[in-house]
Amino acid sequence: MSKVFTAYFGIALLLAAIGCKPSGGDSMGSMTNNSSASTMPAGMTYTCTMHPEVASDKPGKCPKCGMELVVKK
């Protein structure tokens, strides 16, 4: 019973580690940790709903969680 539990636990850890990797491409690209809109060029600013410190001047995915960036209001 202990070996079965250990095997399942190991598989769960492996899957969790694979799922936590950032998506492909440029991990930070034009992203910045500065939430100040004054550093962004004129126009729209995109941000992550879960990580408001992430900001971009173009749409894309959050480098922290992979969610789509939305227009900052």
PDB file of N, CA and C in Angstrom:
ATOM      1  N   MET A   1       0.837  -1.197   0.000  1.00  0.00           N
ATOM      2  CA  MET A   1       0.000   0.000   0.000  1.00  0.00           C
ATOM      3  C   MET A   1       0.877   1.254   0.000  1.00  0.00           C
ATOM      4  N   SER A   2       1.968   1.225   0.747  1.00  0.00           N
ATOM      5  CA  SER A   2       2.857   2.369   0.841  1.00  0.00           C
ATOM      6  C   SER A   2       3.517   2.679  -0.507  1.00  0.00           C
ATOM      7  N   LYS A   3       3.872   1.645  -1.267  1.00  0.00           N
ATOM      8  CA  LYS A   3       4.509   1.865  -2.570  1.00  0.00           C
ATOM      9  C   LYS A   3       3.530   2.491  -3.558  1.00  0.00           C
ATOM     10  N   VAL A   4       2.267   2.083  -3.488  1.00  0.00           N
ATOM     11  CA  VAL A   4       1.253   2.635  -4.381  1.00  0.00           C
ATOM     12  C   VAL A   4       1.054   4.112  -4.062  1.00  0.00           C
ATOM     13  N   PHE A   5       0.959   4.450  -2.790  1.00  0.00           N
ATOM     14  CA  PHE A   5       0.795   5.844  -2.380  1.00  0.00           C
ATOM     15  C   PHE A   5       1.989   6.671  -2.836  1.00  0.00           C
ATOM     16  N   THR A   6       3.181   6.155  -2.652  1.00  0.00           N
ATOM     17  CA  THR A   6       4.395   6.862  -3.047  1.00  0.00           C
ATOM     18  C   THR A   6       4.408   7.095  -4.560  1.00  0.00           C
ATOM     19  N   ALA A   7       3.988   6.099  -5.329  1.00  0.00           N
ATOM     20  CA  ALA A   7       3.958   6.232  -6.785  1.00  0.00           C
ATOM     21  C   ALA A   7       2.958   7.317  -7.203  1.00  0.00           C
ATOM     22  N   TYR A   8       1.751   7.277  -6.634  1.00  0.00           N
ATOM     23  CA  TYR A   8       0.746   8.289  -6.963  1.00  0.00           C
ATOM     24  C   TYR A   8       1.198   9.688  -6.533  1.00  0.00           C
ATOM     25  N   PHE A   9       1.820   9.797  -5.392  1.00  0.00           N
ATOM     26  CA  PHE A   9       2.311  11.085  -4.903  1.00  0.00           C
ATOM     27  C   PHE A   9       3.401  11.625  -5.825  1.00  0.00           C
ATOM     28  N   GLY A  10       4.286  10.752  -6.275  1.00  0.00           N
ATOM     29  CA  GLY A  10       5.350  11.163  -7.195  1.00  0.00           C
ATOM     30  C   GLY A  10       4.794  11.640  -8.526  1.00  0.00           C
ATOM     31  N   ILE A  11       3.788  10.954  -9.040  1.00  0.00           N
ATOM     32  CA  ILE A  11       3.163  11.361 -10.296  1.00  0.00           C
ATOM     33  C   ILE A  11       2.469  12.706 -10.122  1.00  0.00           C
ATOM     34  N   ALA A  12       1.786  12.897  -8.995  1.00  0.00           N
ATOM     35  CA  ALA A  12       1.099  14.164  -8.731  1.00  0.00           C
ATOM     36  C   ALA A  12       2.109  15.310  -8.666  1.00  0.00           C
ATOM     37  N   LEU A  13       3.237  15.103  -8.008  1.00  0.00           N
ATOM     38  CA  LEU A  13       4.271  16.147  -7.942  1.00  0.00           C
ATOM     39  C   LEU A  13       4.832  16.458  -9.320  1.00  0.00           C
ATOM     40  N   LEU A  14       5.047  15.429 -10.122  1.00  0.00           N
ATOM     41  CA  LEU A  14       5.572  15.631 -11.473  1.00  0.00           C
ATOM     42  C   LEU A  14       4.593  16.444 -12.310  1.00  0.00           C
ATOM     43  N   LEU A  15       3.318  16.097 -12.258  1.00  0.00           N
ATOM     44  CA  LEU A  15       2.317  16.833 -13.021  1.00  0.00           C
ATOM     45  C   LEU A  15       2.202  18.276 -12.539  1.00  0.00           C
ATOM     46  N   ALA A  16       2.303  18.493 -11.234  1.00  0.00           N
ATOM     47  CA  ALA A  16       2.244  19.860 -10.703  1.00  0.00           C
ATOM     48  C   ALA A  16       3.443  20.670 -11.187  1.00  0.00           C
ATOM     49  N   ALA A  17       4.612  20.057 -11.225  1.00  0.00           N
ATOM     50  CA  ALA A  17       5.815  20.760 -11.675  1.00  0.00           C
ATOM     51  C   ALA A  17       5.721  21.104 -13.158  1.00  0.00           C
ATOM     52  N   ILE A  18       5.187  20.207 -13.956  1.00  0.00           N
ATOM     53  CA  ILE A  18       5.035  20.463 -15.390  1.00  0.00           C
ATOM     54  C   ILE A  18       4.022  21.567 -15.614  1.00  0.00           C
ATOM     55  N   GLY A  19       2.942  21.573 -14.850  1.00  0.00           N
ATOM     56  CA  GLY A  19       1.898  22.576 -15.005  1.00  0.00           C
ATOM     57  C   GLY A  19       2.323  23.965 -14.573  1.00  0.00           C
ATOM     58  N   CYS A  20       3.352  24.079 -13.763  1.00  0.00           N
ATOM     59  CA  CYS A  20       3.792  25.379 -13.257  1.00  0.00           C
ATOM     60  C   CYS A  20       4.819  26.053 -14.141  1.00  0.00           C
ATOM     61  N   LYS A  21       5.272  25.386 -15.192  1.00  0.00           N
ATOM     62  CA  LYS A  21       6.253  25.995 -16.082  1.00  0.00           C
ATOM     63  C   LYS A  21       5.608  27.130 -16.856  1.00  0.00           C
ATOM     64  N   PRO A  22       6.345  28.234 -17.089  1.00  0.00           N
ATOM     65  CA  PRO A  22       5.794  29.315 -17.906  1.00  0.00           C
ATOM     66  C   PRO A  22       5.599  28.833 -19.334  1.00  0.00           C
ATOM     67  N   SER A  23       4.642  29.416 -20.037  1.00  0.00           N
ATOM     68  CA  SER A  23       4.378  29.036 -21.416  1.00  0.00           C
ATOM     69  C   SER A  23       5.553  29.447 -22.296  1.00  0.00           C
ATOM     70  N   GLY A  24       5.607  28.901 -23.484  1.00  0.00           N
ATOM     71  CA  GLY A  24       6.713  29.167 -24.392  1.00  0.00           C
ATOM     72  C   GLY A  24       6.770  30.617 -24.830  1.00  0.00           C
ATOM     73  N   GLY A  25       7.818  30.947 -25.546  1.00  0.00           N
ATOM     74  CA  GLY A  25       7.983  32.322 -26.027  1.00  0.00           C
ATOM     75  C   GLY A  25       8.787  33.148 -25.047  1.00  0.00           C
ATOM     76  N   ASP A  26       8.821  34.411 -25.312  1.00  0.00           N
ATOM     77  CA  ASP A  26       9.556  35.348 -24.465  1.00  0.00           C
ATOM     78  C   ASP A  26       8.823  35.487 -23.139  1.00  0.00           C
ATOM     79  N   SER A  27       9.450  35.047 -22.050  1.00  0.00           N
ATOM     80  CA  SER A  27       8.743  34.997 -20.765  1.00  0.00           C
ATOM     81  C   SER A  27       8.361  36.379 -20.235  1.00  0.00           C
ATOM     82  N   MET A  28       9.135  37.398 -20.522  1.00  0.00           N
ATOM     83  CA  MET A  28       8.776  38.729 -20.026  1.00  0.00           C
ATOM     84  C   MET A  28       8.425  39.668 -21.175  1.00  0.00           C
ATOM     85  N   GLY A  29       9.045  39.508 -22.329  1.00  0.00           N
ATOM     86  CA  GLY A  29       8.722  40.334 -23.491  1.00  0.00           C
ATOM     87  C   GLY A  29       8.642  41.799 -23.129  1.00  0.00           C
ATOM     88  N   SER A  30       7.503  42.409 -23.432  1.00  0.00           N
ATOM     89  CA  SER A  30       7.325  43.822 -23.119  1.00  0.00           C
ATOM     90  C   SER A  30       6.653  44.001 -21.768  1.00  0.00           C
ATOM     91  N   MET A  31       6.604  42.931 -20.985  1.00  0.00           N
ATOM     92  CA  MET A  31       5.974  43.017 -19.665  1.00  0.00           C
ATOM     93  C   MET A  31       6.896  43.779 -18.719  1.00  0.00           C
ATOM     94  N   THR A  32       6.286  44.392 -17.744  1.00  0.00           N
ATOM     95  CA  THR A  32       7.050  45.101 -16.738  1.00  0.00           C
ATOM     96  C   THR A  32       6.367  44.937 -15.404  1.00  0.00           C
ATOM     97  N   ASN A  33       7.112  44.981 -14.329  1.00  0.00           N
ATOM     98  CA  ASN A  33       6.530  44.880 -12.996  1.00  0.00           C
ATOM     99  C   ASN A  33       6.093  46.231 -12.464  1.00  0.00           C
ATOM    100  N   ASN A  34       6.322  47.286 -13.216  1.00  0.00           N
ATOM    101  CA  ASN A  34       5.920  48.613 -12.797  1.00  0.00           C
ATOM    102  C   ASN A  34       4.484  48.846 -13.238  1.00  0.00           C
ATOM    103  N   SER A  35       3.576  49.014 -12.289  1.00  0.00           N
ATOM    104  CA  SER A  35       2.166  49.165 -12.637  1.00  0.00           C
ATOM    105  C   SER A  35       1.819  50.587 -13.035  1.00  0.00           C
ATOM    106  N   SER A  36       2.776  51.477 -13.030  1.00  0.00           N
ATOM    107  CA  SER A  36       2.525  52.868 -13.386  1.00  0.00           C
ATOM    108  C   SER A  36       2.273  52.987 -14.882  1.00  0.00           C
ATOM    109  N   ALA A  37       1.140  53.572 -15.240  1.00  0.00           N
ATOM    110  CA  ALA A  37       0.803  53.734 -16.650  1.00  0.00           C
ATOM    111  C   ALA A  37       1.683  54.790 -17.310  1.00  0.00           C
ATOM    112  N   SER A  38       2.361  55.617 -16.544  1.00  0.00           N
ATOM    113  CA  SER A  38       3.189  56.672 -17.120  1.00  0.00           C
ATOM    114  C   SER A  38       4.386  56.108 -17.878  1.00  0.00           C
ATOM    115  N   THR A  39       4.795  54.860 -17.607  1.00  0.00           N
ATOM    116  CA  THR A  39       5.920  54.261 -18.304  1.00  0.00           C
ATOM    117  C   THR A  39       5.488  53.602 -19.604  1.00  0.00           C
ATOM    118  N   MET A  40       4.182  53.469 -19.821  1.00  0.00           N
ATOM    119  CA  MET A  40       3.669  52.857 -21.029  1.00  0.00           C
ATOM    120  C   MET A  40       3.455  53.938 -22.095  1.00  0.00           C
ATOM    121  N   PRO A  41       3.614  53.576 -23.357  1.00  0.00           N
ATOM    122  CA  PRO A  41       3.335  54.546 -24.408  1.00  0.00           C
ATOM    123  C   PRO A  41       1.846  54.893 -24.432  1.00  0.00           C
ATOM    124  N   ALA A  42       1.517  56.002 -25.100  1.00  0.00           N
ATOM    125  CA  ALA A  42       0.118  56.424 -25.175  1.00  0.00           C
ATOM    126  C   ALA A  42      -0.708  55.325 -25.820  1.00  0.00           C
ATOM    127  N   GLY A  43      -1.919  55.146 -25.357  1.00  0.00           N
ATOM    128  CA  GLY A  43      -2.791  54.104 -25.885  1.00  0.00           C
ATOM    129  C   GLY A  43      -3.261  53.203 -24.763  1.00  0.00           C
ATOM    130  N   MET A  44      -3.597  51.979 -25.119  1.00  0.00           N
ATOM    131  CA  MET A  44      -4.133  51.047 -24.139  1.00  0.00           C
ATOM    132  C   MET A  44      -3.024  50.334 -23.368  1.00  0.00           C
ATOM    133  N   THR A  45      -3.338  50.019 -22.133  1.00  0.00           N
ATOM    134  CA  THR A  45      -2.444  49.228 -21.304  1.00  0.00           C
ATOM    135  C   THR A  45      -3.180  47.944 -20.941  1.00  0.00           C
ATOM    136  N   TYR A  46      -2.511  46.828 -21.090  1.00  0.00           N
ATOM    137  CA  TYR A  46      -3.092  45.535 -20.783  1.00  0.00           C
ATOM    138  C   TYR A  46      -2.492  45.017 -19.483  1.00  0.00           C
ATOM    139  N   THR A  47      -3.323  44.354 -18.666  1.00  0.00           N
ATOM    140  CA  THR A  47      -2.864  43.833 -17.393  1.00  0.00           C
ATOM    141  C   THR A  47      -3.542  42.503 -17.099  1.00  0.00           C
ATOM    142  N   CYS A  48      -3.010  41.774 -16.149  1.00  0.00           N
ATOM    143  CA  CYS A  48      -3.578  40.494 -15.714  1.00  0.00           C
ATOM    144  C   CYS A  48      -4.548  40.750 -14.569  1.00  0.00           C
ATOM    145  N   THR A  49      -5.690  40.091 -14.604  1.00  0.00           N
ATOM    146  CA  THR A  49      -6.668  40.289 -13.530  1.00  0.00           C
ATOM    147  C   THR A  49      -6.188  39.683 -12.214  1.00  0.00           C
ATOM    148  N   MET A  50      -5.324  38.684 -12.277  1.00  0.00           N
ATOM    149  CA  MET A  50      -4.807  38.056 -11.055  1.00  0.00           C
ATOM    150  C   MET A  50      -3.504  38.690 -10.586  1.00  0.00           C
ATOM    151  N   HIS A  51      -2.780  39.332 -11.479  1.00  0.00           N
ATOM    152  CA  HIS A  51      -1.488  39.953 -11.162  1.00  0.00           C
ATOM    153  C   HIS A  51      -1.468  41.379 -11.712  1.00  0.00           C
ATOM    154  N   PRO A  52      -2.099  42.323 -11.018  1.00  0.00           N
ATOM    155  CA  PRO A  52      -2.197  43.689 -11.545  1.00  0.00           C
ATOM    156  C   PRO A  52      -0.851  44.397 -11.709  1.00  0.00           C
ATOM    157  N   GLU A  53       0.207  43.866 -11.129  1.00  0.00           N
ATOM    158  CA  GLU A  53       1.521  44.484 -11.294  1.00  0.00           C
ATOM    159  C   GLU A  53       2.099  44.203 -12.686  1.00  0.00           C
ATOM    160  N   VAL A  54       1.540  43.230 -13.412  1.00  0.00           N
ATOM    161  CA  VAL A  54       1.963  42.916 -14.772  1.00  0.00           C
ATOM    162  C   VAL A  54       1.257  43.873 -15.717  1.00  0.00           C
ATOM    163  N   ALA A  55       2.022  44.547 -16.556  1.00  0.00           N
ATOM    164  CA  ALA A  55       1.446  45.494 -17.507  1.00  0.00           C
ATOM    165  C   ALA A  55       2.146  45.348 -18.852  1.00  0.00           C
ATOM    166  N   SER A  56       1.386  45.578 -19.933  1.00  0.00           N
ATOM    167  CA  SER A  56       1.926  45.467 -21.282  1.00  0.00           C
ATOM    168  C   SER A  56       1.242  46.485 -22.184  1.00  0.00           C
ATOM    169  N   ASP A  57       1.920  46.874 -23.248  1.00  0.00           N
ATOM    170  CA  ASP A  57       1.323  47.805 -24.204  1.00  0.00           C
ATOM    171  C   ASP A  57       0.596  47.064 -25.329  1.00  0.00           C
ATOM    172  N   LYS A  58       0.608  45.725 -25.301  1.00  0.00           N
ATOM    173  CA  LYS A  58      -0.106  44.933 -26.300  1.00  0.00           C
ATOM    174  C   LYS A  58      -0.732  43.708 -25.636  1.00  0.00           C
ATOM    175  N   PRO A  59      -1.768  43.143 -26.250  1.00  0.00           N
ATOM    176  CA  PRO A  59      -2.414  41.970 -25.654  1.00  0.00           C
ATOM    177  C   PRO A  59      -1.470  40.775 -25.652  1.00  0.00           C
ATOM    178  N   GLY A  60      -1.742  39.831 -24.791  1.00  0.00           N
ATOM    179  CA  GLY A  60      -0.918  38.634 -24.692  1.00  0.00           C
ATOM    180  C   GLY A  60      -1.323  37.833 -23.484  1.00  0.00           C
ATOM    181  N   LYS A  61      -0.383  37.058 -22.958  1.00  0.00           N
ATOM    182  CA  LYS A  61      -0.634  36.224 -21.794  1.00  0.00           C
ATOM    183  C   LYS A  61       0.242  36.681 -20.633  1.00  0.00           C
ATOM    184  N   CYS A  62      -0.271  36.508 -19.421  1.00  0.00           N
ATOM    185  CA  CYS A  62       0.475  36.845 -18.210  1.00  0.00           C
ATOM    186  C   CYS A  62       1.659  35.889 -18.073  1.00  0.00           C
ATOM    187  N   PRO A  63       2.859  36.399 -17.838  1.00  0.00           N
ATOM    188  CA  PRO A  63       4.017  35.521 -17.684  1.00  0.00           C
ATOM    189  C   PRO A  63       3.989  34.735 -16.381  1.00  0.00           C
ATOM    190  N   LYS A  64       3.168  35.135 -15.434  1.00  0.00           N
ATOM    191  CA  LYS A  64       3.105  34.446 -14.142  1.00  0.00           C
ATOM    192  C   LYS A  64       2.106  33.293 -14.144  1.00  0.00           C
ATOM    193  N   CYS A  65       0.918  33.513 -14.758  1.00  0.00           N
ATOM    194  CA  CYS A  65      -0.125  32.483 -14.672  1.00  0.00           C
ATOM    195  C   CYS A  65      -0.645  32.033 -16.025  1.00  0.00           C
ATOM    196  N   GLY A  66      -0.318  32.749 -17.097  1.00  0.00           N
ATOM    197  CA  GLY A  66      -0.741  32.339 -18.436  1.00  0.00           C
ATOM    198  C   GLY A  66      -2.124  32.831 -18.831  1.00  0.00           C
ATOM    199  N   MET A  67      -2.803  33.596 -17.961  1.00  0.00           N
ATOM    200  CA  MET A  67      -4.122  34.125 -18.313  1.00  0.00           C
ATOM    201  C   MET A  67      -3.988  35.228 -19.353  1.00  0.00           C
ATOM    202  N   GLU A  68      -5.042  35.437 -20.133  1.00  0.00           N
ATOM    203  CA  GLU A  68      -5.055  36.510 -21.129  1.00  0.00           C
ATOM    204  C   GLU A  68      -5.018  37.865 -20.424  1.00  0.00           C
ATOM    205  N   LEU A  69      -4.238  38.793 -20.971  1.00  0.00           N
ATOM    206  CA  LEU A  69      -4.209  40.153 -20.443  1.00  0.00           C
ATOM    207  C   LEU A  69      -5.444  40.905 -20.935  1.00  0.00           C
ATOM    208  N   VAL A  70      -5.985  41.757 -20.082  1.00  0.00           N
ATOM    209  CA  VAL A  70      -7.172  42.546 -20.425  1.00  0.00           C
ATOM    210  C   VAL A  70      -6.816  44.025 -20.397  1.00  0.00           C
ATOM    211  N   VAL A  71      -7.637  44.840 -21.071  1.00  0.00           N
ATOM    212  CA  VAL A  71      -7.403  46.281 -21.102  1.00  0.00           C
ATOM    213  C   VAL A  71      -7.590  46.849 -19.699  1.00  0.00           C
ATOM    214  N   LYS A  72      -6.599  47.623 -19.262  1.00  0.00           N
ATOM    215  CA  LYS A  72      -6.665  48.248 -17.949  1.00  0.00           C
ATOM    216  C   LYS A  72      -7.579  49.470 -18.036  1.00  0.00           C
ATOM    217  N   LYS A  73      -8.499  49.554 -17.091  1.00  0.00           N
ATOM    218  CA  LYS A  73      -9.462  50.659 -17.106  1.00  0.00           C
ATOM    219  C   LYS A  73      -8.977  51.815 -16.280  1.00  0.00           C
TER     220      LYS A  73
END
